[in-house]
Amino acid sequence: MELKSLPTKEIAFQLGFYSQNYFSRAFKNRYSFSPAHYREHNNYS
């Protein structure tokens, strides 16, 4: 998620996810917060 210039959808596809929603759910299950929350609190927007 430190690829701040890329949209979350593009990061998801590069990681092999075919759905941004599935990536977001998997990320939240693993880290207990959403990709958007991570970016917001780490200045990656």
Protein backbone atom coordinates (compact mmCIF):
# COMPACT_ATOMS: atom_id res chain seq x y z
CA MET A 1 0.00 0.00 0.00
CA GLU A 2 2.97 2.30 -0.11
CA LEU A 3 2.49 2.85 -3.82
CA LYS A 4 0.81 6.15 -3.15
CA SER A 5 0.60 7.24 -6.77
CA LEU A 6 -1.54 4.23 -7.72
CA PRO A 7 -5.25 3.91 -7.06
CA THR A 8 -6.30 1.06 -4.79
CA LYS A 9 -7.93 -0.69 -7.75
CA GLU A 10 -4.61 -0.81 -9.62
CA ILE A 11 -2.75 -2.09 -6.56
CA ALA A 12 -5.38 -4.82 -6.16
CA PHE A 13 -4.96 -5.92 -9.78
CA GLN A 14 -1.16 -5.90 -9.51
CA LEU A 15 -1.41 -8.15 -6.47
CA GLY A 16 -3.57 -10.63 -8.37
CA PHE A 17 -7.01 -9.60 -7.12
CA TYR A 18 -9.66 -9.35 -9.82
CA SER A 19 -11.96 -7.28 -7.64
CA GLN A 20 -11.17 -4.16 -5.67
CA ASN A 21 -13.92 -5.10 -3.22
CA TYR A 22 -12.38 -8.52 -2.58
CA PHE A 23 -8.96 -6.94 -2.08
CA SER A 24 -10.40 -4.41 0.36
CA ARG A 25 -12.13 -7.15 2.37
CA ALA A 26 -8.99 -9.31 2.44
CA PHE A 27 -6.89 -6.31 3.50
CA LYS A 28 -9.36 -5.44 6.26
CA ASN A 29 -9.50 -9.04 7.49
CA ARG A 30 -5.69 -9.16 7.66
CA TYR A 31 -4.95 -5.71 9.11
CA SER A 32 -8.25 -4.80 10.85
CA PHE A 33 -8.68 -1.60 8.83
CA SER A 34 -9.45 -0.77 5.22
CA PRO A 35 -6.96 0.25 2.54
CA ALA A 36 -8.59 3.70 2.50
CA HIS A 37 -8.10 4.05 6.26
CA TYR A 38 -4.46 2.99 5.90
CA ARG A 39 -3.82 5.57 3.20
CA GLU A 40 -5.65 8.28 5.13
CA HIS A 41 -3.61 7.73 8.27
CA ASN A 42 -0.31 7.31 6.46
CA ASN A 43 -0.69 10.28 4.10
CA TYR A 44 -1.06 8.08 1.00
CA SER A 45 -4.08 9.71 -0.59
